[in-house]
Amino acid sequence: MRAPSEHQTAPSLETLLTDGVLAGDWMLDPHHSSIGLRSRVIGGLIRVHGVFRQVSGSGVVSPAGAVSGTVTVSAASIDTRNARRDTHLRSADFFDSENNPDITFSADRIGLSGPGVEVAGSLTVRGRSRQLSFDAAASVREDADIWLDAEVHVNREDFGLTWNLLGMVSKSSTVTIHAVFTRR
């Protein structure tokens, strides 16, 4: 990771957006991006961390500075470093990755908000879509890559992930996002 001085500040990002400097098509760099998942089990005593090993995405910045895009993760690519748990997470009890291979977030709008950006769009898990908005840190590196970092809290039951043996699995999960976009 580069030193903070090598990132643009929010006002510079605003200038780059409104001046059309960032206009064009962008691609998610899967080698430098990560989408993770955190949850608690056994009454909140144990944290479970996972990462999705297969991510893809793209975005568009219009000449006027409007931003939209999509990020897709393979549900079957979840890796919590526990093969038995990963198999269960891929099953119909959770992601049902055989019938719902992708988890997708489609951003309809990304706008400046304080020191960062507000991202608004739709998250689709197991065929269920829900509107979602969250704050994120956004920066443009000197090499012109765009970084987007966020932690998003979701209720897994909103997406039909209701399996919960004896109430031991938290309904709330945190999705961690480090998305690096490069020009196409």
N, C-alpha and C. Protein backbone atom coordinates (compact mmCIF):
# COMPACT_ATOMS: atom_id res chain seq x y z
N MET A 1 0.84 -1.18 0.00
CA MET A 1 0.00 0.00 0.00
C MET A 1 0.89 1.24 0.00
N ARG A 2 0.52 2.22 -0.74
CA ARG A 2 1.31 3.45 -0.82
C ARG A 2 0.99 4.39 0.32
N ALA A 3 1.88 5.31 0.56
CA ALA A 3 1.68 6.30 1.61
C ALA A 3 0.49 7.19 1.28
N PRO A 4 -0.24 7.67 2.30
CA PRO A 4 -1.42 8.50 2.06
C PRO A 4 -1.13 9.72 1.18
N SER A 5 0.09 10.25 1.21
CA SER A 5 0.40 11.43 0.41
C SER A 5 0.32 11.16 -1.09
N GLU A 6 0.32 9.87 -1.48
CA GLU A 6 0.25 9.54 -2.89
C GLU A 6 -1.19 9.36 -3.38
N HIS A 7 -2.16 9.60 -2.53
CA HIS A 7 -3.57 9.52 -2.90
C HIS A 7 -4.12 10.93 -3.02
N GLN A 8 -5.11 11.07 -3.90
CA GLN A 8 -5.78 12.35 -4.04
C GLN A 8 -6.74 12.54 -2.87
N THR A 9 -6.95 13.76 -2.46
CA THR A 9 -7.93 14.04 -1.42
C THR A 9 -9.30 14.20 -2.06
N ALA A 10 -10.36 14.24 -1.23
CA ALA A 10 -11.71 14.33 -1.75
C ALA A 10 -11.91 15.54 -2.68
N PRO A 11 -11.40 16.74 -2.33
CA PRO A 11 -11.58 17.84 -3.29
C PRO A 11 -10.91 17.56 -4.63
N SER A 12 -9.74 16.93 -4.63
CA SER A 12 -9.08 16.60 -5.89
C SER A 12 -9.89 15.57 -6.66
N LEU A 13 -10.48 14.62 -5.95
CA LEU A 13 -11.34 13.64 -6.60
C LEU A 13 -12.53 14.34 -7.24
N GLU A 14 -13.11 15.30 -6.53
CA GLU A 14 -14.23 16.07 -7.08
C GLU A 14 -13.82 16.79 -8.36
N THR A 15 -12.66 17.40 -8.33
CA THR A 15 -12.16 18.10 -9.51
C THR A 15 -11.95 17.14 -10.67
N LEU A 16 -11.35 15.99 -10.38
CA LEU A 16 -11.11 15.00 -11.44
C LEU A 16 -12.42 14.50 -12.05
N LEU A 17 -13.45 14.34 -11.21
CA LEU A 17 -14.75 13.90 -11.73
C LEU A 17 -15.42 14.97 -12.57
N THR A 18 -15.45 16.20 -12.07
CA THR A 18 -16.17 17.26 -12.78
C THR A 18 -15.42 17.76 -14.01
N ASP A 19 -14.10 17.63 -14.01
CA ASP A 19 -13.32 18.04 -15.19
C ASP A 19 -13.30 16.97 -16.28
N GLY A 20 -13.88 15.80 -16.00
CA GLY A 20 -13.91 14.74 -17.00
C GLY A 20 -12.63 13.94 -17.11
N VAL A 21 -11.67 14.19 -16.23
CA VAL A 21 -10.39 13.49 -16.29
C VAL A 21 -10.57 11.98 -16.08
N LEU A 22 -11.54 11.59 -15.25
CA LEU A 22 -11.76 10.18 -14.96
C LEU A 22 -12.80 9.54 -15.89
N ALA A 23 -13.33 10.31 -16.84
CA ALA A 23 -14.36 9.79 -17.74
C ALA A 23 -13.82 8.60 -18.53
N GLY A 24 -14.69 7.60 -18.66
CA GLY A 24 -14.32 6.42 -19.44
C GLY A 24 -14.74 5.13 -18.76
N ASP A 25 -14.25 4.04 -19.33
CA ASP A 25 -14.57 2.71 -18.83
C ASP A 25 -13.45 2.22 -17.91
N TRP A 26 -13.86 1.59 -16.82
CA TRP A 26 -12.94 1.09 -15.81
C TRP A 26 -13.20 -0.39 -15.55
N MET A 27 -12.14 -1.12 -15.23
CA MET A 27 -12.25 -2.56 -14.95
C MET A 27 -11.71 -2.84 -13.55
N LEU A 28 -12.41 -3.70 -12.81
CA LEU A 28 -11.94 -4.12 -11.49
C LEU A 28 -10.70 -5.00 -11.68
N ASP A 29 -9.65 -4.69 -10.95
CA ASP A 29 -8.43 -5.49 -10.98
C ASP A 29 -8.56 -6.59 -9.93
N PRO A 30 -8.85 -7.84 -10.35
CA PRO A 30 -9.10 -8.91 -9.38
C PRO A 30 -7.87 -9.30 -8.57
N HIS A 31 -6.68 -8.99 -9.06
CA HIS A 31 -5.45 -9.36 -8.36
C HIS A 31 -5.12 -8.41 -7.21
N HIS A 32 -5.68 -7.20 -7.26
CA HIS A 32 -5.41 -6.21 -6.21
C HIS A 32 -6.66 -5.85 -5.41
N SER A 33 -7.78 -6.50 -5.71
CA SER A 33 -9.05 -6.24 -5.03
C SER A 33 -9.40 -7.42 -4.14
N SER A 34 -10.19 -7.13 -3.11
CA SER A 34 -10.68 -8.23 -2.26
C SER A 34 -12.07 -7.89 -1.72
N ILE A 35 -12.90 -8.92 -1.65
CA ILE A 35 -14.22 -8.82 -1.04
C ILE A 35 -14.25 -9.87 0.07
N GLY A 36 -14.44 -9.41 1.28
CA GLY A 36 -14.42 -10.32 2.43
C GLY A 36 -15.75 -10.34 3.15
N LEU A 37 -15.85 -11.25 4.09
CA LEU A 37 -17.08 -11.44 4.85
C LEU A 37 -16.69 -11.76 6.29
N ARG A 38 -17.33 -11.07 7.22
CA ARG A 38 -17.13 -11.34 8.65
C ARG A 38 -18.47 -11.55 9.30
N SER A 39 -18.51 -12.53 10.20
CA SER A 39 -19.72 -12.79 10.96
C SER A 39 -19.32 -13.37 12.30
N ARG A 40 -20.30 -13.51 13.18
CA ARG A 40 -20.04 -14.10 14.50
C ARG A 40 -20.94 -15.33 14.67
N VAL A 41 -20.40 -16.31 15.37
CA VAL A 41 -21.15 -17.53 15.68
C VAL A 41 -21.04 -17.81 17.17
N ILE A 42 -21.79 -18.79 17.62
CA ILE A 42 -21.84 -19.19 19.03
C ILE A 42 -22.11 -17.98 19.91
N GLY A 43 -23.24 -17.37 19.66
CA GLY A 43 -23.68 -16.24 20.48
C GLY A 43 -22.76 -15.04 20.40
N GLY A 44 -22.04 -14.89 19.31
CA GLY A 44 -21.16 -13.73 19.13
C GLY A 44 -19.77 -13.91 19.70
N LEU A 45 -19.46 -15.09 20.23
CA LEU A 45 -18.16 -15.31 20.85
C LEU A 45 -17.03 -15.58 19.85
N ILE A 46 -17.36 -16.15 18.71
CA ILE A 46 -16.33 -16.51 17.73
C ILE A 46 -16.57 -15.75 16.44
N ARG A 47 -15.51 -15.12 15.94
CA ARG A 47 -15.59 -14.43 14.66
C ARG A 47 -15.19 -15.39 13.54
N VAL A 48 -15.93 -15.32 12.46
CA VAL A 48 -15.61 -16.08 11.26
C VAL A 48 -15.25 -15.08 10.18
N HIS A 49 -14.09 -15.26 9.57
CA HIS A 49 -13.63 -14.40 8.48
C HIS A 49 -13.55 -15.23 7.21
N GLY A 50 -13.97 -14.65 6.13
CA GLY A 50 -13.86 -15.32 4.84
C GLY A 50 -13.53 -14.32 3.76
N VAL A 51 -13.10 -14.82 2.63
CA VAL A 51 -12.82 -13.98 1.48
C VAL A 51 -13.33 -14.71 0.24
N PHE A 52 -13.84 -13.95 -0.69
CA PHE A 52 -14.29 -14.51 -1.97
C PHE A 52 -13.09 -14.46 -2.92
N ARG A 53 -12.67 -15.61 -3.40
CA ARG A 53 -11.45 -15.72 -4.21
C ARG A 53 -11.65 -15.31 -5.68
N GLN A 54 -12.90 -15.23 -6.14
CA GLN A 54 -13.16 -14.86 -7.53
C GLN A 54 -14.05 -13.62 -7.56
N VAL A 55 -13.48 -12.49 -8.00
CA VAL A 55 -14.22 -11.24 -8.12
C VAL A 55 -14.00 -10.64 -9.50
N SER A 56 -14.99 -9.94 -9.98
CA SER A 56 -14.87 -9.23 -11.26
C SER A 56 -15.75 -8.00 -11.18
N GLY A 57 -15.57 -7.10 -12.13
CA GLY A 57 -16.41 -5.92 -12.13
C GLY A 57 -15.95 -4.89 -13.13
N SER A 58 -16.79 -3.90 -13.31
CA SER A 58 -16.48 -2.80 -14.22
C SER A 58 -17.25 -1.56 -13.78
N GLY A 59 -16.83 -0.44 -14.29
CA GLY A 59 -17.50 0.82 -13.98
C GLY A 59 -17.38 1.79 -15.12
N VAL A 60 -18.21 2.82 -15.08
CA VAL A 60 -18.20 3.87 -16.10
C VAL A 60 -18.29 5.21 -15.40
N VAL A 61 -17.44 6.12 -15.81
CA VAL A 61 -17.51 7.50 -15.35
C VAL A 61 -17.87 8.34 -16.57
N SER A 62 -19.00 9.05 -16.49
CA SER A 62 -19.42 9.88 -17.62
C SER A 62 -18.59 11.16 -17.66
N PRO A 63 -18.56 11.87 -18.79
CA PRO A 63 -17.84 13.14 -18.86
C PRO A 63 -18.33 14.16 -17.83
N ALA A 64 -19.59 14.04 -17.40
CA ALA A 64 -20.14 14.95 -16.40
C ALA A 64 -19.82 14.50 -14.97
N GLY A 65 -19.19 13.33 -14.81
CA GLY A 65 -18.81 12.86 -13.48
C GLY A 65 -19.75 11.87 -12.84
N ALA A 66 -20.81 11.44 -13.56
CA ALA A 66 -21.71 10.42 -13.02
C ALA A 66 -20.99 9.07 -13.04
N VAL A 67 -21.14 8.30 -11.96
CA VAL A 67 -20.43 7.03 -11.83
C VAL A 67 -21.42 5.90 -11.61
N SER A 68 -21.20 4.78 -12.31
CA SER A 68 -21.99 3.57 -12.09
C SER A 68 -21.08 2.38 -12.33
N GLY A 69 -21.53 1.22 -11.88
CA GLY A 69 -20.71 0.03 -12.09
C GLY A 69 -21.29 -1.19 -11.42
N THR A 70 -20.61 -2.32 -11.62
CA THR A 70 -21.05 -3.59 -11.08
C THR A 70 -19.84 -4.37 -10.57
N VAL A 71 -20.02 -5.00 -9.42
CA VAL A 71 -19.02 -5.92 -8.88
C VAL A 71 -19.72 -7.25 -8.66
N THR A 72 -19.08 -8.33 -9.13
CA THR A 72 -19.64 -9.67 -9.02
C THR A 72 -18.63 -10.58 -8.33
N VAL A 73 -19.11 -11.36 -7.39
CA VAL A 73 -18.26 -12.37 -6.75
C VAL A 73 -18.89 -13.75 -6.97
N SER A 74 -18.06 -14.73 -7.12
CA SER A 74 -18.52 -16.11 -7.22
C SER A 74 -18.84 -16.61 -5.82
N ALA A 75 -20.11 -16.96 -5.58
CA ALA A 75 -20.51 -17.44 -4.26
C ALA A 75 -19.73 -18.69 -3.85
N ALA A 76 -19.40 -19.52 -4.82
CA ALA A 76 -18.67 -20.76 -4.53
C ALA A 76 -17.21 -20.51 -4.18
N SER A 77 -16.73 -19.30 -4.37
CA SER A 77 -15.32 -19.02 -4.11
C SER A 77 -15.06 -18.59 -2.66
N ILE A 78 -16.07 -18.69 -1.78
CA ILE A 78 -15.88 -18.32 -0.38
C ILE A 78 -14.80 -19.21 0.25
N ASP A 79 -13.91 -18.59 0.98
CA ASP A 79 -12.81 -19.32 1.63
C ASP A 79 -12.65 -18.79 3.05
N THR A 80 -13.03 -19.63 4.03
CA THR A 80 -12.89 -19.27 5.43
C THR A 80 -11.76 -20.05 6.10
N ARG A 81 -11.01 -20.77 5.30
CA ARG A 81 -9.90 -21.64 5.77
C ARG A 81 -10.42 -22.82 6.60
N ASN A 82 -11.66 -23.21 6.31
CA ASN A 82 -12.25 -24.38 6.95
C ASN A 82 -13.12 -25.05 5.89
N ALA A 83 -12.63 -26.15 5.30
CA ALA A 83 -13.30 -26.79 4.17
C ALA A 83 -14.73 -27.21 4.50
N ARG A 84 -14.95 -27.72 5.69
CA ARG A 84 -16.30 -28.16 6.08
C ARG A 84 -17.26 -26.96 6.14
N ARG A 85 -16.81 -25.87 6.75
CA ARG A 85 -17.65 -24.67 6.84
C ARG A 85 -17.89 -24.09 5.44
N ASP A 86 -16.84 -24.06 4.61
CA ASP A 86 -17.00 -23.52 3.25
C ASP A 86 -18.02 -24.32 2.45
N THR A 87 -17.97 -25.65 2.57
CA THR A 87 -18.96 -26.50 1.89
C THR A 87 -20.37 -26.17 2.37
N HIS A 88 -20.52 -25.95 3.68
CA HIS A 88 -21.84 -25.60 4.22
C HIS A 88 -22.29 -24.23 3.72
N LEU A 89 -21.37 -23.26 3.66
CA LEU A 89 -21.73 -21.93 3.17
C LEU A 89 -22.15 -21.96 1.70
N ARG A 90 -21.59 -22.87 0.93
CA ARG A 90 -21.95 -23.00 -0.49
C ARG A 90 -23.29 -23.72 -0.68
N SER A 91 -23.76 -24.43 0.35
CA SER A 91 -24.96 -25.25 0.26
C SER A 91 -26.23 -24.40 0.24
N ALA A 92 -27.36 -25.09 0.06
CA ALA A 92 -28.67 -24.42 0.04
C ALA A 92 -29.01 -23.76 1.37
N ASP A 93 -28.33 -24.14 2.46
CA ASP A 93 -28.56 -23.49 3.75
C ASP A 93 -28.11 -22.03 3.73
N PHE A 94 -27.13 -21.71 2.89
CA PHE A 94 -26.60 -20.34 2.85
C PHE A 94 -26.64 -19.80 1.42
N PHE A 95 -25.51 -19.77 0.72
CA PHE A 95 -25.44 -19.12 -0.59
C PHE A 95 -26.10 -19.90 -1.72
N ASP A 96 -26.29 -21.21 -1.55
CA ASP A 96 -26.88 -22.03 -2.61
C ASP A 96 -26.17 -21.75 -3.94
N SER A 97 -24.84 -21.87 -3.90
CA SER A 97 -24.03 -21.45 -5.05
C SER A 97 -24.27 -22.28 -6.31
N GLU A 98 -24.80 -23.48 -6.16
CA GLU A 98 -25.10 -24.28 -7.36
C GLU A 98 -26.22 -23.63 -8.17
N ASN A 99 -27.24 -23.11 -7.48
CA ASN A 99 -28.38 -22.48 -8.17
C ASN A 99 -28.24 -20.97 -8.29
N ASN A 100 -27.38 -20.36 -7.47
CA ASN A 100 -27.17 -18.92 -7.46
C ASN A 100 -25.66 -18.66 -7.45
N PRO A 101 -25.01 -18.82 -8.59
CA PRO A 101 -23.54 -18.78 -8.61
C PRO A 101 -22.93 -17.42 -8.30
N ASP A 102 -23.66 -16.34 -8.51
CA ASP A 102 -23.07 -15.01 -8.35
C ASP A 102 -23.76 -14.18 -7.27
N ILE A 103 -22.97 -13.39 -6.60
CA ILE A 103 -23.44 -12.33 -5.71
C ILE A 103 -23.03 -11.04 -6.42
N THR A 104 -24.00 -10.16 -6.63
CA THR A 104 -23.74 -8.98 -7.46
C THR A 104 -24.17 -7.70 -6.76
N PHE A 105 -23.32 -6.68 -6.85
CA PHE A 105 -23.71 -5.35 -6.42
C PHE A 105 -23.63 -4.44 -7.65
N SER A 106 -24.75 -3.81 -7.97
CA SER A 106 -24.82 -2.86 -9.08
C SER A 106 -24.98 -1.47 -8.51
N ALA A 107 -23.97 -0.65 -8.71
CA ALA A 107 -23.99 0.73 -8.21
C ALA A 107 -24.70 1.61 -9.23
N ASP A 108 -25.77 2.26 -8.80
CA ASP A 108 -26.51 3.18 -9.65
C ASP A 108 -25.95 4.59 -9.56
N ARG A 109 -25.36 4.87 -8.39
CA ARG A 109 -24.86 6.23 -8.16
C ARG A 109 -23.73 6.18 -7.15
N ILE A 110 -22.70 6.92 -7.45
CA ILE A 110 -21.61 7.13 -6.51
C ILE A 110 -21.37 8.64 -6.48
N GLY A 111 -21.60 9.22 -5.32
CA GLY A 111 -21.47 10.67 -5.21
C GLY A 111 -20.57 11.06 -4.05
N LEU A 112 -19.98 12.22 -4.16
CA LEU A 112 -19.10 12.71 -3.10
C LEU A 112 -19.91 12.95 -1.84
N SER A 113 -19.32 12.57 -0.70
CA SER A 113 -19.99 12.72 0.59
C SER A 113 -18.93 12.93 1.65
N GLY A 114 -18.80 14.15 2.12
CA GLY A 114 -17.77 14.45 3.12
C GLY A 114 -16.40 14.12 2.58
N PRO A 115 -15.60 13.39 3.36
CA PRO A 115 -14.25 13.07 2.89
C PRO A 115 -14.20 11.90 1.91
N GLY A 116 -15.31 11.24 1.67
CA GLY A 116 -15.33 10.07 0.79
C GLY A 116 -16.44 10.13 -0.21
N VAL A 117 -17.05 8.98 -0.44
CA VAL A 117 -18.17 8.89 -1.38
C VAL A 117 -19.30 8.09 -0.75
N GLU A 118 -20.51 8.32 -1.25
CA GLU A 118 -21.65 7.50 -0.89
C GLU A 118 -21.98 6.65 -2.11
N VAL A 119 -22.09 5.36 -1.91
CA VAL A 119 -22.39 4.42 -2.98
C VAL A 119 -23.82 3.93 -2.77
N ALA A 120 -24.63 3.99 -3.81
CA ALA A 120 -26.02 3.53 -3.74
C ALA A 120 -26.29 2.59 -4.90
N GLY A 121 -26.99 1.51 -4.61
CA GLY A 121 -27.29 0.55 -5.66
C GLY A 121 -28.09 -0.61 -5.13
N SER A 122 -27.90 -1.77 -5.76
CA SER A 122 -28.68 -2.95 -5.44
C SER A 122 -27.75 -4.15 -5.25
N LEU A 123 -27.91 -4.84 -4.11
CA LEU A 123 -27.16 -6.06 -3.82
C LEU A 123 -28.08 -7.25 -4.07
N THR A 124 -27.58 -8.23 -4.84
CA THR A 124 -28.36 -9.43 -5.14
C THR A 124 -27.61 -10.65 -4.62
N VAL A 125 -28.29 -11.38 -3.72
CA VAL A 125 -27.77 -12.61 -3.15
C VAL A 125 -28.89 -13.64 -3.21
N ARG A 126 -28.58 -14.83 -3.72
CA ARG A 126 -29.58 -15.90 -3.83
C ARG A 126 -30.83 -15.46 -4.59
N GLY A 127 -30.65 -14.60 -5.58
CA GLY A 127 -31.77 -14.15 -6.39
C GLY A 127 -32.62 -13.07 -5.76
N ARG A 128 -32.26 -12.64 -4.56
CA ARG A 128 -33.00 -11.56 -3.89
C ARG A 128 -32.19 -10.28 -3.96
N SER A 129 -32.84 -9.23 -4.42
CA SER A 129 -32.17 -7.93 -4.53
C SER A 129 -32.73 -6.97 -3.49
N ARG A 130 -31.82 -6.22 -2.90
CA ARG A 130 -32.19 -5.20 -1.92
C ARG A 130 -31.40 -3.94 -2.21
N GLN A 131 -32.06 -2.79 -2.06
CA GLN A 131 -31.37 -1.52 -2.19
C GLN A 131 -30.38 -1.37 -1.04
N LEU A 132 -29.24 -0.80 -1.34
CA LEU A 132 -28.19 -0.68 -0.34
C LEU A 132 -27.40 0.59 -0.62
N SER A 133 -27.11 1.34 0.42
CA SER A 133 -26.21 2.48 0.27
C SER A 133 -25.23 2.46 1.43
N PHE A 134 -24.02 2.92 1.15
CA PHE A 134 -22.98 2.91 2.17
C PHE A 134 -21.92 3.95 1.84
N ASP A 135 -21.21 4.38 2.87
CA ASP A 135 -20.11 5.31 2.70
C ASP A 135 -18.84 4.53 2.42
N ALA A 136 -17.96 5.10 1.63
CA ALA A 136 -16.70 4.46 1.29
C ALA A 136 -15.60 5.51 1.17
N ALA A 137 -14.39 5.07 1.38
CA ALA A 137 -13.23 5.91 1.12
C ALA A 137 -12.87 5.70 -0.34
N ALA A 138 -12.63 6.77 -1.06
CA ALA A 138 -12.25 6.68 -2.47
C ALA A 138 -11.02 7.53 -2.70
N SER A 139 -10.13 6.99 -3.50
CA SER A 139 -8.92 7.74 -3.80
C SER A 139 -8.42 7.38 -5.19
N VAL A 140 -7.66 8.30 -5.76
CA VAL A 140 -7.04 8.09 -7.06
C VAL A 140 -5.54 8.10 -6.83
N ARG A 141 -4.90 6.99 -7.17
CA ARG A 141 -3.46 6.89 -6.99
C ARG A 141 -2.74 7.63 -8.11
N GLU A 142 -1.47 7.89 -7.89
CA GLU A 142 -0.67 8.57 -8.90
C GLU A 142 -0.65 7.81 -10.22
N ASP A 143 -0.76 6.46 -10.15
CA ASP A 143 -0.78 5.67 -11.38
C ASP A 143 -2.17 5.62 -12.00
N ALA A 144 -3.09 6.45 -11.49
CA ALA A 144 -4.45 6.65 -12.00
C ALA A 144 -5.41 5.51 -11.69
N ASP A 145 -5.02 4.56 -10.82
CA ASP A 145 -5.98 3.57 -10.36
C ASP A 145 -6.93 4.23 -9.36
N ILE A 146 -8.17 3.78 -9.35
CA ILE A 146 -9.15 4.27 -8.38
C ILE A 146 -9.33 3.19 -7.31
N TRP A 147 -9.18 3.58 -6.06
CA TRP A 147 -9.37 2.66 -4.93
C TRP A 147 -10.68 3.01 -4.25
N LEU A 148 -11.43 1.99 -3.87
CA LEU A 148 -12.67 2.15 -3.13
C LEU A 148 -12.63 1.16 -1.96
N ASP A 149 -12.72 1.68 -0.73
CA ASP A 149 -12.66 0.84 0.46
C ASP A 149 -13.87 1.10 1.35
N ALA A 150 -14.50 0.01 1.82
CA ALA A 150 -15.69 0.17 2.66
C ALA A 150 -15.92 -1.08 3.50
N GLU A 151 -16.69 -0.87 4.56
CA GLU A 151 -17.26 -1.96 5.35
C GLU A 151 -18.76 -1.75 5.32
N VAL A 152 -19.48 -2.79 4.91
CA VAL A 152 -20.93 -2.70 4.74
C VAL A 152 -21.59 -3.74 5.62
N HIS A 153 -22.55 -3.31 6.43
CA HIS A 153 -23.26 -4.23 7.31
C HIS A 153 -24.56 -4.65 6.64
N VAL A 154 -24.78 -5.96 6.57
CA VAL A 154 -26.00 -6.49 5.96
C VAL A 154 -26.63 -7.52 6.90
N ASN A 155 -27.94 -7.64 6.79
CA ASN A 155 -28.68 -8.67 7.51
C ASN A 155 -28.87 -9.82 6.53
N ARG A 156 -28.23 -10.95 6.79
CA ARG A 156 -28.26 -12.07 5.85
C ARG A 156 -29.67 -12.60 5.62
N GLU A 157 -30.57 -12.42 6.60
CA GLU A 157 -31.94 -12.89 6.43
C GLU A 157 -32.69 -12.12 5.33
N ASP A 158 -32.25 -10.88 5.05
CA ASP A 158 -32.86 -10.11 3.97
C ASP A 158 -32.69 -10.79 2.62
N PHE A 159 -31.72 -11.71 2.54
CA PHE A 159 -31.41 -12.38 1.28
C PHE A 159 -31.73 -13.88 1.33
N GLY A 160 -32.55 -14.28 2.31
CA GLY A 160 -32.96 -15.66 2.39
C GLY A 160 -31.96 -16.60 3.04
N LEU A 161 -30.95 -16.08 3.67
CA LEU A 161 -29.96 -16.90 4.37
C LEU A 161 -30.41 -17.01 5.82
N THR A 162 -31.36 -17.90 6.06
CA THR A 162 -32.01 -17.97 7.37
C THR A 162 -31.57 -19.14 8.22
N TRP A 163 -30.75 -20.04 7.69
CA TRP A 163 -30.31 -21.20 8.48
C TRP A 163 -29.61 -20.69 9.73
N ASN A 164 -29.99 -21.26 10.88
CA ASN A 164 -29.40 -20.81 12.14
C ASN A 164 -29.64 -21.85 13.22
N LEU A 165 -28.79 -22.85 13.27
CA LEU A 165 -28.90 -23.92 14.24
C LEU A 165 -28.88 -23.36 15.65
N LEU A 166 -29.95 -23.51 16.37
CA LEU A 166 -30.09 -23.07 17.76
C LEU A 166 -29.80 -21.58 17.97
N GLY A 167 -29.97 -20.80 16.93
CA GLY A 167 -29.75 -19.36 17.04
C GLY A 167 -28.30 -18.97 17.30
N MET A 168 -27.36 -19.80 16.86
CA MET A 168 -25.95 -19.58 17.18
C MET A 168 -25.20 -18.74 16.15
N VAL A 169 -25.83 -18.43 15.02
CA VAL A 169 -25.17 -17.65 13.97
C VAL A 169 -25.79 -16.26 13.92
N SER A 170 -24.97 -15.25 13.92
CA SER A 170 -25.46 -13.87 13.88
C SER A 170 -26.20 -13.60 12.57
N LYS A 171 -27.26 -12.81 12.66
CA LYS A 171 -27.98 -12.39 11.46
C LYS A 171 -27.20 -11.31 10.71
N SER A 172 -26.37 -10.60 11.42
CA SER A 172 -25.62 -9.48 10.84
C SER A 172 -24.25 -9.95 10.35
N SER A 173 -23.91 -9.54 9.16
CA SER A 173 -22.59 -9.82 8.59
C SER A 173 -21.99 -8.52 8.10
N THR A 174 -20.68 -8.48 8.07
CA THR A 174 -19.96 -7.31 7.54
C THR A 174 -19.24 -7.72 6.27
N VAL A 175 -19.50 -6.99 5.21
CA VAL A 175 -18.80 -7.21 3.95
C VAL A 175 -17.69 -6.17 3.88
N THR A 176 -16.46 -6.63 3.68
CA THR A 176 -15.33 -5.71 3.54
C THR A 176 -14.96 -5.63 2.07
N ILE A 177 -14.73 -4.41 1.63
CA ILE A 177 -14.47 -4.17 0.21
C ILE A 177 -13.17 -3.39 0.04
N HIS A 178 -12.29 -3.92 -0.78
CA HIS A 178 -11.14 -3.17 -1.27
C HIS A 178 -11.16 -3.38 -2.78
N ALA A 179 -11.68 -2.40 -3.50
CA ALA A 179 -11.85 -2.52 -4.95
C ALA A 179 -10.89 -1.56 -5.64
N VAL A 180 -10.09 -2.12 -6.54
CA VAL A 180 -9.13 -1.31 -7.31
C VAL A 180 -9.58 -1.36 -8.77
N PHE A 181 -9.85 -0.19 -9.32
CA PHE A 181 -10.29 -0.10 -10.72
C PHE A 181 -9.18 0.54 -11.56
N THR A 182 -8.96 -0.03 -12.75
CA THR A 182 -7.97 0.50 -13.69
C THR A 182 -8.69 0.82 -15.00
N ARG A 183 -8.11 1.71 -15.77
CA ARG A 183 -8.71 2.05 -17.07
C ARG A 183 -8.64 0.86 -18.00
N ARG A 184 -9.69 0.70 -18.81
CA ARG A 184 -9.70 -0.39 -19.81
C ARG A 184 -8.81 -0.02 -20.95
